[in-house]
Amino acid sequence: MNRALLSVLLLFSLAGCLGSDCVNEVHQELVSPDGRKKIVVFSRNCGATTGINTQASVIGKSDKLPDEAGNAFVFDKGSAQVSWKKDGGILVVIESGARVFKKEPSVGGISIEYRE
């Protein structure tokens, strides 16, 4: 292949990575005890190559969920029970057998405790 053709192919493959064909479906929003933040639990569908998943992001109370993967946790093959603790932290109880891809200990100054 010549360089021009390779450059065009590279450009198209990068352009495909920039646009998002994913859709977030919100399942639960819980506002923090102080009313400033919320945790949003959702699934993210990126087409046939992705399975059923559970994700969560901690964001400002009035913020809209960004079109991206969760900033707190990401897992599949299970569900989670999410709640705010009295101290302002978050408790996440993950169903046994879930496959965990991301499990942040804190987001934006909010501590997150996980139990499986």
Protein backbone atom coordinates (compact mmCIF):
# COMPACT_ATOMS: atom_id res chain seq x y z
CA MET A 1 0.00 0.00 0.00
CA ASN A 2 1.16 3.48 -0.63
CA ARG A 3 1.55 6.14 2.06
CA ALA A 4 -1.49 8.17 0.99
CA LEU A 5 -3.80 5.17 1.27
CA LEU A 6 -2.35 4.21 4.66
CA SER A 7 -2.82 7.79 5.87
CA VAL A 8 -6.48 7.79 4.79
CA LEU A 9 -7.13 4.44 6.49
CA LEU A 10 -5.48 5.67 9.68
CA LEU A 11 -7.53 8.87 9.61
CA PHE A 12 -10.81 6.94 9.26
CA SER A 13 -9.93 4.53 12.06
CA LEU A 14 -9.05 7.41 14.38
CA ALA A 15 -12.25 9.24 13.48
CA GLY A 16 -14.21 6.16 14.50
CA CYS A 17 -12.57 6.28 17.93
CA LEU A 18 -13.43 9.94 18.44
CA GLY A 19 -17.18 9.64 17.97
CA SER A 20 -19.21 7.77 20.57
CA ASP A 21 -21.66 5.13 19.44
CA CYS A 22 -22.34 4.27 23.06
CA VAL A 23 -25.54 4.94 24.97
CA ASN A 24 -25.83 5.28 28.74
CA GLU A 25 -29.06 4.04 30.34
CA VAL A 26 -29.53 5.46 33.84
CA HIS A 27 -30.91 3.02 36.43
CA GLN A 28 -30.54 5.00 39.64
CA GLU A 29 -29.52 8.45 40.89
CA LEU A 30 -28.84 9.00 44.58
CA VAL A 31 -28.15 12.49 45.97
CA SER A 32 -25.55 12.76 48.73
CA PRO A 33 -26.61 13.56 52.31
CA ASP A 34 -25.21 17.10 51.98
CA GLY A 35 -27.09 17.61 48.68
CA ARG A 36 -23.99 18.59 46.66
CA LYS A 37 -23.16 15.39 44.76
CA LYS A 38 -24.94 12.37 43.35
CA ILE A 39 -23.97 8.90 42.28
CA VAL A 40 -25.50 7.73 39.02
CA VAL A 41 -25.73 3.99 38.38
CA PHE A 42 -26.13 3.09 34.72
CA SER A 43 -25.40 0.59 31.99
CA ARG A 44 -23.38 1.55 28.93
CA ASN A 45 -24.23 -0.05 25.59
CA CYS A 46 -21.57 0.26 22.91
CA GLY A 47 -23.11 -2.15 20.42
CA ALA A 48 -22.80 -5.83 19.75
CA THR A 49 -19.27 -6.05 21.14
CA THR A 50 -20.32 -5.17 24.70
CA GLY A 51 -22.27 -7.22 27.17
CA ILE A 52 -24.58 -6.24 29.99
CA ASN A 53 -22.66 -4.06 32.43
CA THR A 54 -23.12 -1.92 35.52
CA GLN A 55 -21.26 1.36 35.94
CA ALA A 56 -21.42 4.39 38.21
CA SER A 57 -20.19 7.97 38.23
CA VAL A 58 -20.00 10.49 41.04
CA ILE A 59 -20.92 13.94 39.70
CA GLY A 60 -22.34 17.26 40.91
CA LYS A 61 -26.01 17.18 41.92
CA SER A 62 -27.12 19.30 38.94
CA ASP A 63 -24.62 17.85 36.44
CA LYS A 64 -25.70 15.67 33.55
CA LEU A 65 -24.14 12.23 33.21
CA PRO A 66 -21.23 12.52 30.73
CA ASP A 67 -21.18 10.32 27.64
CA GLU A 68 -18.34 8.17 28.93
CA ALA A 69 -17.61 5.17 31.10
CA GLY A 70 -18.23 5.38 34.84
CA ASN A 71 -15.66 7.18 36.97
CA ALA A 72 -16.37 5.14 40.13
CA PHE A 73 -16.82 1.53 39.04
CA VAL A 74 -17.36 -0.69 36.00
CA PHE A 75 -18.24 -4.38 36.08
CA ASP A 76 -20.35 -6.96 34.32
CA LYS A 77 -22.09 -10.26 35.10
CA GLY A 78 -23.85 -8.92 38.17
CA SER A 79 -25.59 -6.03 39.82
CA ALA A 80 -24.87 -3.72 42.75
CA GLN A 81 -26.68 -2.11 45.64
CA VAL A 82 -25.46 1.47 46.08
CA SER A 83 -26.12 3.75 49.05
CA TRP A 84 -24.75 6.85 50.72
CA LYS A 85 -23.28 6.37 54.18
CA LYS A 86 -23.95 8.83 57.02
CA ASP A 87 -20.34 10.08 56.81
CA GLY A 88 -20.87 11.13 53.16
CA GLY A 89 -19.08 8.14 51.65
CA ILE A 90 -20.62 5.59 49.32
CA LEU A 91 -21.19 1.90 50.00
CA VAL A 92 -21.32 -0.45 46.99
CA VAL A 93 -22.35 -4.07 47.52
CA ILE A 94 -21.43 -6.03 44.39
CA GLU A 95 -23.23 -9.25 43.55
CA SER A 96 -21.09 -12.37 43.90
CA GLY A 97 -19.59 -13.50 40.60
CA ALA A 98 -19.38 -10.04 39.04
CA ARG A 99 -16.34 -9.40 36.86
CA VAL A 100 -14.81 -6.11 38.01
CA PHE A 101 -12.96 -3.87 35.53
CA LYS A 102 -12.72 -0.67 37.58
CA LYS A 103 -13.19 -0.02 41.29
CA GLU A 104 -11.99 3.42 42.44
CA PRO A 105 -11.46 3.95 46.19
CA SER A 106 -12.59 7.58 45.88
CA VAL A 107 -13.88 10.06 43.31
CA GLY A 108 -13.87 13.83 43.76
CA GLY A 109 -13.10 13.54 47.47
CA ILE A 110 -15.91 11.04 48.09
CA SER A 111 -14.70 7.73 49.56
CA ILE A 112 -16.16 4.53 48.13
CA GLU A 113 -16.31 1.27 50.10
CA TYR A 114 -16.88 -1.99 48.23
CA ARG A 115 -18.27 -5.24 49.57
CA GLU A 116 -18.64 -8.39 47.54
